[in-house]
Amino acid sequence: MNTNGLLHPDMPLPPGPFAGTLHIHVAFDWGDEIDLDHARKARGTSGRPLPRRRRTPTSIEYRPPPVRFDLEPVSLELPEIGTLTVPAEVALFDFAGVSLHLRVPFYLDAAALAALAGYLADPDNVVRAARAALEPLHQDVLPGIRDPHWSRLSEEYFVFALPPGPPLSPADLLGTYNSWLAGLVRLETGPLSEEEIGEALRRHLSYSPEDLFVADWPAAFLMDRDCEETLLAIEFANLQLLEYRQIDDRLDDSLTTAYGLVRLGPRKWTSIGRTHAGPLRLLGELKVEANDLFERTGNVLKLVGDQYLARLYRQLAGRFHLQQWEHSIQRKLETLEGIYTILADQAHAFRAEVLELTVILLILVEIVLAIWRH
């Protein structure tokens, strides 16, 4: 791909080229629950333990820990890089969340890296490749999935990782080359306003003077050597976002059904036999699933390790608007519960009225029969 004209001609570009790694995280949902023991047996492996930094307490772990497998290498075709085969790793969580991690090495200058970021703004090709790579594993673990359903939804996140050191420093990236860095985490090749640059780079972290983490909605920039725990925190936040979207999407379908019942009206004769047992049961399942997911969210700071990673997770949660998603789900659950309570009360009241009318009619019939006999 020709990168000429993609970037603003006056934009300062950092000196390159850079040897780094593009980390691609793609999350899917396969159903209600995965039997992780079945998954281990199906693949004939116990998986791998959680990577740890020296400062991470040994008591910190996922509960229950996900199962991690290496998959067959995945073939990708990316602009500026070309066609290459990259290592693939998958993590299976007990709540049927699945996260694929692809590691794409690159050796590119600043303009080419920006062009690659612009291409990733439309991730359809990457998602299709991820689905194809996971299909054999899905077939292997399918008997161990409760209520299997491979959701149409997916969530993808990209991390541009560079090792620290010359010719770049975090101060240079946040200062002289801030417009280029902002375009990278926004997956945007066109010029950005000063306000957008400031917003894109507003949430950044550094543990030492040499490392830097900048997170935005579609992508992140990471300058660090020992970054496995950071990537796991990103993986978990991205998977949480998918699970929130999944529940929210199902709640939208339930609301559509509920509003349809409301439009039928409370005085229809068909409401005599309607108990709303099915929708109420589904609502109960969604509430349990949502509360379970919120519980995992509340405990996530215990999972990601030390204080720096806790701050990093909070930064990602803010970028992904996880708290707003949680509030939206809670509101929809309350709305659904209110609608079905009203519908149930209306149906009960209507059945009571019909019963009263039936009793009156029977009394009238008895009176008429008594008069007729005499």
Protein backbone atom coordinates (compact mmCIF):
# COMPACT_ATOMS: atom_id res chain seq x y z
CA MET A 1 0.00 0.00 0.00
CA ASN A 2 1.23 3.47 -0.83
CA THR A 3 1.35 5.60 2.31
CA ASN A 4 1.90 8.90 0.49
CA GLY A 5 -0.85 11.37 1.28
CA LEU A 6 -2.31 9.36 4.16
CA LEU A 7 -0.72 11.51 6.83
CA HIS A 8 -0.76 15.26 7.17
CA PRO A 9 2.41 16.57 5.47
CA ASP A 10 3.23 18.78 8.47
CA MET A 11 2.83 15.98 11.02
CA PRO A 12 6.14 15.23 12.78
CA LEU A 13 7.00 11.55 12.39
CA PRO A 14 9.24 9.71 14.84
CA PRO A 15 12.46 8.28 13.44
CA GLY A 16 12.26 4.65 12.44
CA PRO A 17 11.92 1.99 11.40
CA PHE A 18 10.55 0.18 14.44
CA ALA A 19 10.82 -3.51 15.29
CA GLY A 20 7.77 -4.36 17.36
CA THR A 21 4.72 -6.56 17.70
CA LEU A 22 1.08 -5.97 16.87
CA HIS A 23 -1.00 -7.85 19.43
CA ILE A 24 -4.49 -8.69 18.17
CA HIS A 25 -7.14 -9.73 20.69
CA VAL A 26 -10.46 -11.07 19.34
CA ALA A 27 -13.14 -12.17 21.81
CA PHE A 28 -16.18 -14.38 21.18
CA ASP A 29 -18.97 -15.92 23.25
CA TRP A 30 -19.75 -19.62 22.76
CA GLY A 31 -22.70 -20.15 25.09
CA ASP A 32 -23.60 -20.16 28.79
CA GLU A 33 -20.75 -22.15 30.29
CA ILE A 34 -17.72 -24.23 29.29
CA ASP A 35 -16.60 -27.32 31.18
CA LEU A 36 -12.91 -26.46 31.40
CA ASP A 37 -11.96 -29.99 32.46
CA HIS A 38 -13.59 -31.33 29.29
CA ALA A 39 -11.67 -28.73 27.27
CA ARG A 40 -8.37 -29.86 28.84
CA LYS A 41 -9.11 -33.50 28.10
CA ALA A 42 -10.28 -32.71 24.56
CA ARG A 43 -6.95 -31.03 23.85
CA GLY A 44 -4.85 -33.40 25.95
CA THR A 45 -3.18 -30.62 27.93
CA SER A 46 -3.54 -28.92 31.30
CA GLY A 47 -2.95 -25.48 29.80
CA ARG A 48 -0.45 -22.91 31.02
CA PRO A 49 -0.27 -20.95 34.29
CA LEU A 50 -0.79 -17.20 34.58
CA PRO A 51 2.38 -15.23 33.69
CA ARG A 52 3.65 -13.22 36.67
CA ARG A 53 6.00 -10.37 37.33
CA ARG A 54 8.34 -10.71 40.28
CA ARG A 55 6.25 -8.23 42.27
CA THR A 56 2.95 -10.08 41.73
CA PRO A 57 1.81 -12.07 44.82
CA THR A 58 1.52 -15.81 44.28
CA SER A 59 -2.03 -15.69 45.69
CA ILE A 60 -3.21 -13.66 42.69
CA GLU A 61 -4.97 -15.80 40.14
CA TYR A 62 -8.12 -16.14 38.04
CA ARG A 63 -10.82 -18.09 39.86
CA PRO A 64 -11.34 -20.45 38.16
CA PRO A 65 -8.33 -19.91 35.90
CA PRO A 66 -8.95 -19.99 32.15
CA VAL A 67 -7.50 -22.75 30.02
CA ARG A 68 -4.87 -21.56 27.54
CA PHE A 69 -3.88 -23.41 24.40
CA ASP A 70 -1.52 -22.78 21.54
CA LEU A 71 -3.33 -23.11 18.21
CA GLU A 72 -2.04 -23.76 14.74
CA PRO A 73 -0.40 -20.61 13.32
CA VAL A 74 -2.83 -18.27 11.55
CA SER A 75 -2.27 -16.79 8.10
CA LEU A 76 -2.96 -13.05 7.84
CA GLU A 77 -2.65 -10.58 5.00
CA LEU A 78 -1.97 -7.07 6.24
CA PRO A 79 -0.96 -3.93 4.36
CA GLU A 80 2.65 -2.80 4.75
CA ILE A 81 3.51 -6.25 6.17
CA GLY A 82 2.11 -8.60 3.51
CA THR A 83 1.03 -12.21 4.02
CA LEU A 84 2.52 -13.97 7.02
CA THR A 85 1.81 -16.80 9.42
CA VAL A 86 1.65 -15.73 13.07
CA PRO A 87 1.50 -17.55 16.44
CA ALA A 88 -1.96 -17.94 17.95
CA GLU A 89 -3.03 -18.53 21.54
CA VAL A 90 -6.56 -18.96 22.90
CA ALA A 91 -7.97 -18.58 26.41
CA LEU A 92 -11.22 -20.34 27.38
CA PHE A 93 -13.10 -18.96 30.40
CA ASP A 94 -15.70 -20.91 32.37
CA PHE A 95 -18.45 -18.43 31.43
CA ALA A 96 -17.97 -19.43 27.74
CA GLY A 97 -15.92 -16.39 26.87
CA VAL A 98 -13.16 -17.11 24.34
CA SER A 99 -10.24 -14.82 23.55
CA LEU A 100 -7.84 -15.35 20.65
CA HIS A 101 -4.43 -13.65 20.81
CA LEU A 102 -2.41 -13.19 17.63
CA ARG A 103 1.16 -11.84 17.72
CA VAL A 104 2.17 -10.08 14.49
CA PRO A 105 5.83 -9.01 14.30
CA PHE A 106 6.59 -5.91 12.24
CA TYR A 107 9.52 -3.82 11.09
CA LEU A 108 8.00 -0.57 9.81
CA ASP A 109 8.62 3.15 9.70
CA ALA A 110 6.17 5.61 11.26
CA ALA A 111 4.14 6.26 8.09
CA ALA A 112 3.74 2.55 7.33
CA LEU A 113 2.70 1.82 10.91
CA ALA A 114 0.07 4.56 10.68
CA ALA A 115 -1.21 3.05 7.41
CA LEU A 116 -1.49 -0.36 9.09
CA ALA A 117 -3.48 1.24 11.93
CA GLY A 118 -5.84 2.82 9.42
CA TYR A 119 -6.47 -0.56 7.79
CA LEU A 120 -7.36 -2.11 11.16
CA ALA A 121 -10.19 0.41 11.61
CA ASP A 122 -12.25 -2.07 9.53
CA PRO A 123 -11.40 -5.39 11.24
CA ASP A 124 -13.76 -7.69 9.29
CA ASN A 125 -10.91 -9.63 7.65
CA VAL A 126 -9.18 -10.14 10.98
CA VAL A 127 -12.41 -11.34 12.64
CA ARG A 128 -13.07 -13.83 9.83
CA ALA A 129 -9.55 -15.21 10.16
CA ALA A 130 -10.02 -15.50 13.93
CA ARG A 131 -13.32 -17.39 13.55
CA ALA A 132 -11.73 -19.80 11.07
CA ALA A 133 -8.77 -20.40 13.40
CA LEU A 134 -11.07 -21.20 16.34
CA GLU A 135 -13.47 -23.49 14.46
CA PRO A 136 -11.51 -26.76 15.09
CA LEU A 137 -11.23 -25.97 18.82
CA HIS A 138 -14.95 -25.13 18.97
CA GLN A 139 -15.80 -28.55 17.53
CA ASP A 140 -13.51 -30.26 20.07
CA VAL A 141 -15.03 -28.57 23.14
CA LEU A 142 -18.64 -28.37 21.87
CA PRO A 143 -19.83 -31.36 23.97
CA GLY A 144 -18.60 -29.52 27.07
CA ILE A 145 -20.49 -26.28 26.36
CA ARG A 146 -23.83 -25.74 28.12
CA ASP A 147 -26.44 -24.20 25.80
CA PRO A 148 -23.89 -23.73 22.98
CA HIS A 149 -24.39 -20.72 20.75
CA TRP A 150 -21.57 -18.97 18.92
CA SER A 151 -22.71 -15.38 19.12
CA ARG A 152 -22.63 -13.17 16.05
CA LEU A 153 -20.99 -10.50 18.22
CA SER A 154 -17.23 -10.16 18.58
CA GLU A 155 -14.90 -7.66 20.20
CA GLU A 156 -11.46 -6.90 18.83
CA TYR A 157 -8.63 -4.81 20.26
CA PHE A 158 -5.21 -3.96 18.87
CA VAL A 159 -2.02 -3.21 20.81
CA PHE A 160 1.02 -1.69 19.08
CA ALA A 161 3.97 -2.78 21.23
CA LEU A 162 7.52 -1.43 20.98
CA PRO A 163 10.49 -2.14 23.22
CA PRO A 164 11.71 0.84 25.25
CA GLY A 165 14.87 2.67 24.34
CA PRO A 166 16.33 4.87 21.59
CA PRO A 167 15.38 6.44 19.29
CA LEU A 168 12.05 7.04 21.10
CA SER A 169 11.18 7.99 24.66
CA PRO A 170 7.76 8.38 26.32
CA ALA A 171 8.38 12.14 26.58
CA ASP A 172 8.97 12.34 22.81
CA LEU A 173 5.82 10.37 22.03
CA LEU A 174 3.61 12.47 24.31
CA GLY A 175 5.21 15.71 23.13
CA THR A 176 6.74 16.11 19.67
CA TYR A 177 5.03 13.07 18.13
CA ASN A 178 1.71 13.24 19.98
CA SER A 179 -0.36 13.65 16.80
CA TRP A 180 1.17 10.50 15.30
CA LEU A 181 0.64 8.53 18.51
CA ALA A 182 -2.97 9.72 18.81
CA GLY A 183 -3.67 8.59 15.24
CA LEU A 184 -2.18 5.19 16.06
CA VAL A 185 -4.46 4.49 19.05
CA ARG A 186 -7.47 5.97 17.20
CA LEU A 187 -6.69 3.86 14.08
CA GLU A 188 -6.91 7.13 12.17
CA THR A 189 -4.61 8.19 9.33
CA GLY A 190 -6.12 11.64 8.84
CA PRO A 191 -5.19 14.73 10.88
CA LEU A 192 -6.78 15.09 14.32
CA SER A 193 -7.69 18.28 16.14
CA GLU A 194 -5.80 19.34 19.23
CA GLU A 195 -8.84 18.42 21.33
CA GLU A 196 -8.94 14.90 19.88
CA ILE A 197 -5.20 14.44 20.34
CA GLY A 198 -5.51 15.50 23.97
CA GLU A 199 -8.45 13.18 24.55
CA ALA A 200 -6.74 10.22 22.86
CA LEU A 201 -3.62 10.58 24.99
CA ARG A 202 -5.31 11.73 28.20
CA ARG A 203 -5.23 8.28 29.79
CA HIS A 204 -1.62 7.17 29.84
CA LEU A 205 0.47 5.31 32.40
CA SER A 206 4.16 4.78 33.07
CA TYR A 207 5.67 2.50 35.69
CA SER A 208 9.22 3.66 34.95
CA PRO A 209 10.65 6.57 32.94
CA GLU A 210 11.20 4.21 30.00
CA ASP A 211 7.79 2.56 29.61
CA LEU A 212 4.45 3.93 28.44
CA PHE A 213 0.89 2.66 28.05
CA VAL A 214 -1.74 4.66 26.16
CA ALA A 215 -5.25 3.20 25.76
CA ASP A 216 -8.08 4.39 23.56
CA TRP A 217 -11.32 2.73 22.45
CA PRO A 218 -10.09 0.83 19.36
CA ALA A 219 -6.39 0.35 20.11
CA ALA A 220 -3.54 0.90 22.55
CA PHE A 221 0.16 1.71 22.42
CA LEU A 222 2.55 -0.14 24.72
CA MET A 223 6.25 0.53 25.25
CA ASP A 224 7.51 -2.10 27.66
CA ARG A 225 9.72 -5.18 27.86
CA ASP A 226 7.89 -7.41 30.34
CA CYS A 227 4.31 -6.95 29.17
CA GLU A 228 2.56 -10.33 29.45
CA GLU A 229 0.48 -9.34 32.49
CA THR A 230 -0.46 -6.08 30.77
CA LEU A 231 -1.71 -8.03 27.75
CA LEU A 232 -3.74 -10.31 30.03
CA ALA A 233 -5.42 -7.29 31.64
CA ILE A 234 -6.26 -6.00 28.17
CA GLU A 235 -7.58 -9.43 27.19
CA PHE A 236 -9.85 -9.59 30.24
CA ALA A 237 -11.25 -6.06 29.80
CA ASN A 238 -11.92 -6.71 26.11
CA LEU A 239 -13.74 -9.94 26.99
CA GLN A 240 -15.79 -8.15 29.65
CA LEU A 241 -16.89 -5.61 27.08
CA LEU A 242 -18.06 -8.41 24.79
CA GLU A 243 -20.00 -10.12 27.61
CA TYR A 244 -21.68 -6.81 28.51
CA ARG A 245 -22.62 -6.26 24.87
CA GLN A 246 -23.90 -9.84 24.67
CA ILE A 247 -26.24 -9.43 27.65
CA ASP A 248 -27.32 -5.97 26.48
CA ASP A 249 -28.17 -7.36 23.05
CA ARG A 250 -30.29 -10.13 24.56
CA LEU A 251 -32.04 -7.60 26.79
CA ASP A 252 -32.88 -5.51 23.71
CA ASP A 253 -34.58 -8.58 22.19
CA SER A 254 -36.49 -9.19 25.42
CA LEU A 255 -37.60 -5.56 25.56
CA THR A 256 -38.87 -5.78 21.98
CA THR A 257 -40.93 -8.85 22.94
CA ALA A 258 -42.23 -7.16 26.09
CA TYR A 259 -43.26 -3.98 24.26
CA GLY A 260 -45.07 -6.17 21.73
CA LEU A 261 -47.10 -7.74 24.54
CA VAL A 262 -47.88 -4.29 25.91
CA ARG A 263 -49.23 -3.19 22.52
CA LEU A 264 -51.61 -6.18 22.49
CA GLY A 265 -53.43 -4.54 25.34
CA PRO A 266 -54.52 -5.89 28.71
CA ARG A 267 -58.13 -6.59 27.75
CA LYS A 268 -57.55 -9.14 25.00
CA TRP A 269 -59.24 -12.49 25.54
CA THR A 270 -55.97 -14.20 24.67
CA SER A 271 -54.54 -12.87 27.93
CA ILE A 272 -56.75 -15.23 29.93
CA GLY A 273 -54.37 -18.12 29.42
CA ARG A 274 -51.17 -16.10 29.20
CA THR A 275 -48.88 -16.55 32.22
CA HIS A 276 -45.66 -14.94 30.84
CA ALA A 277 -43.80 -17.89 32.41
CA GLY A 278 -41.35 -18.18 29.50
CA PRO A 279 -40.32 -14.50 29.36
CA LEU A 280 -40.15 -14.32 33.16
CA ARG A 281 -37.91 -17.38 33.25
CA LEU A 282 -35.65 -15.83 30.61
CA LEU A 283 -35.58 -12.60 32.60
CA GLY A 284 -34.53 -14.52 35.69
CA GLU A 285 -31.73 -16.23 33.77
CA LEU A 286 -30.51 -12.88 32.42
CA LYS A 287 -30.51 -11.38 35.92
CA VAL A 288 -28.46 -14.28 37.28
CA GLU A 289 -26.04 -14.06 34.34
CA ALA A 290 -25.70 -10.29 34.69
CA ASN A 291 -25.14 -10.46 38.45
CA ASP A 292 -22.51 -13.16 37.94
CA LEU A 293 -20.72 -10.99 35.41
CA PHE A 294 -20.92 -7.95 37.72
CA GLU A 295 -19.45 -10.07 40.52
CA ARG A 296 -16.51 -10.97 38.29
CA THR A 297 -16.10 -7.27 37.48
CA GLY A 298 -16.05 -6.39 41.16
CA ASN A 299 -13.32 -8.93 41.84
CA VAL A 300 -11.19 -8.14 38.80
CA LEU A 301 -8.71 -5.99 40.75
CA LYS A 302 -7.82 -9.13 42.70
CA LEU A 303 -7.14 -10.91 39.42
CA VAL A 304 -4.89 -8.56 37.55
CA GLY A 305 -2.16 -8.36 40.17
CA ASP A 306 -0.36 -5.33 41.55
CA GLN A 307 -1.44 -1.70 41.87
CA TYR A 308 0.00 -0.64 38.54
CA LEU A 309 -2.03 -3.28 36.71
CA ALA A 310 -5.08 -2.31 38.76
CA ARG A 311 -4.72 1.28 37.53
CA LEU A 312 -4.18 0.00 33.99
CA TYR A 313 -7.38 -2.04 34.19
CA ARG A 314 -9.35 0.96 35.49
CA GLN A 315 -8.01 2.96 32.57
CA LEU A 316 -9.22 0.34 30.11
CA ALA A 317 -12.57 0.06 31.89
CA GLY A 318 -13.00 3.80 31.49
CA ARG A 319 -12.14 3.69 27.79
CA PHE A 320 -14.52 0.77 27.23
CA HIS A 321 -17.26 2.51 29.29
CA LEU A 322 -17.78 -0.69 31.29
CA GLN A 323 -19.53 1.14 34.13
CA GLN A 324 -21.97 2.74 31.69
CA TRP A 325 -22.66 -0.67 30.12
CA GLU A 326 -23.34 -2.07 33.60
CA HIS A 327 -25.75 0.75 34.42
CA SER A 328 -27.51 0.29 31.06
CA ILE A 329 -27.95 -3.43 31.73
CA GLN A 330 -29.31 -2.77 35.21
CA ARG A 331 -31.82 -0.22 33.87
CA LYS A 332 -33.03 -2.62 31.18
CA LEU A 333 -33.41 -5.43 33.72
CA GLU A 334 -35.46 -3.14 35.95
CA THR A 335 -37.55 -1.99 32.98
CA LEU A 336 -38.26 -5.58 31.92
CA GLU A 337 -39.16 -6.60 35.45
CA GLY A 338 -41.53 -3.65 35.70
CA ILE A 339 -43.20 -4.42 32.37
CA TYR A 340 -43.78 -8.10 33.16
CA THR A 341 -45.02 -7.25 36.65
CA ILE A 342 -47.58 -4.87 35.16
CA LEU A 343 -48.57 -7.39 32.46
CA ALA A 344 -48.95 -10.14 35.04
CA ASP A 345 -51.05 -7.89 37.27
CA GLN A 346 -53.22 -6.86 34.32
CA ALA A 347 -53.69 -10.47 33.22
CA HIS A 348 -54.56 -11.49 36.79
CA ALA A 349 -57.06 -8.64 37.11
CA PHE A 350 -58.64 -9.50 33.75
CA ARG A 351 -58.94 -13.17 34.68
CA ALA A 352 -60.57 -12.14 37.98
CA GLU A 353 -63.09 -10.00 36.09
CA VAL A 354 -63.85 -12.85 33.70
CA LEU A 355 -64.29 -15.18 36.66
CA GLU A 356 -66.71 -12.74 38.29
CA LEU A 357 -68.68 -12.44 35.06
CA THR A 358 -68.76 -16.23 34.76
CA VAL A 359 -70.14 -16.56 38.29
CA ILE A 360 -72.80 -13.92 37.57
CA LEU A 361 -73.78 -15.68 34.35
CA LEU A 362 -74.05 -19.03 36.15
CA ILE A 363 -76.27 -17.44 38.81
CA LEU A 364 -78.45 -15.92 36.09
CA VAL A 365 -78.66 -19.28 34.35
CA GLU A 366 -79.70 -20.93 37.64
CA ILE A 367 -82.39 -18.28 38.16
CA VAL A 368 -83.70 -18.64 34.60
CA LEU A 369 -83.77 -22.46 34.93
CA ALA A 370 -85.56 -22.22 38.28
CA ILE A 371 -88.22 -19.88 36.82
CA TRP A 372 -88.60 -22.04 33.71
CA ARG A 373 -89.16 -25.19 35.78
CA HIS A 374 -91.90 -23.50 37.77
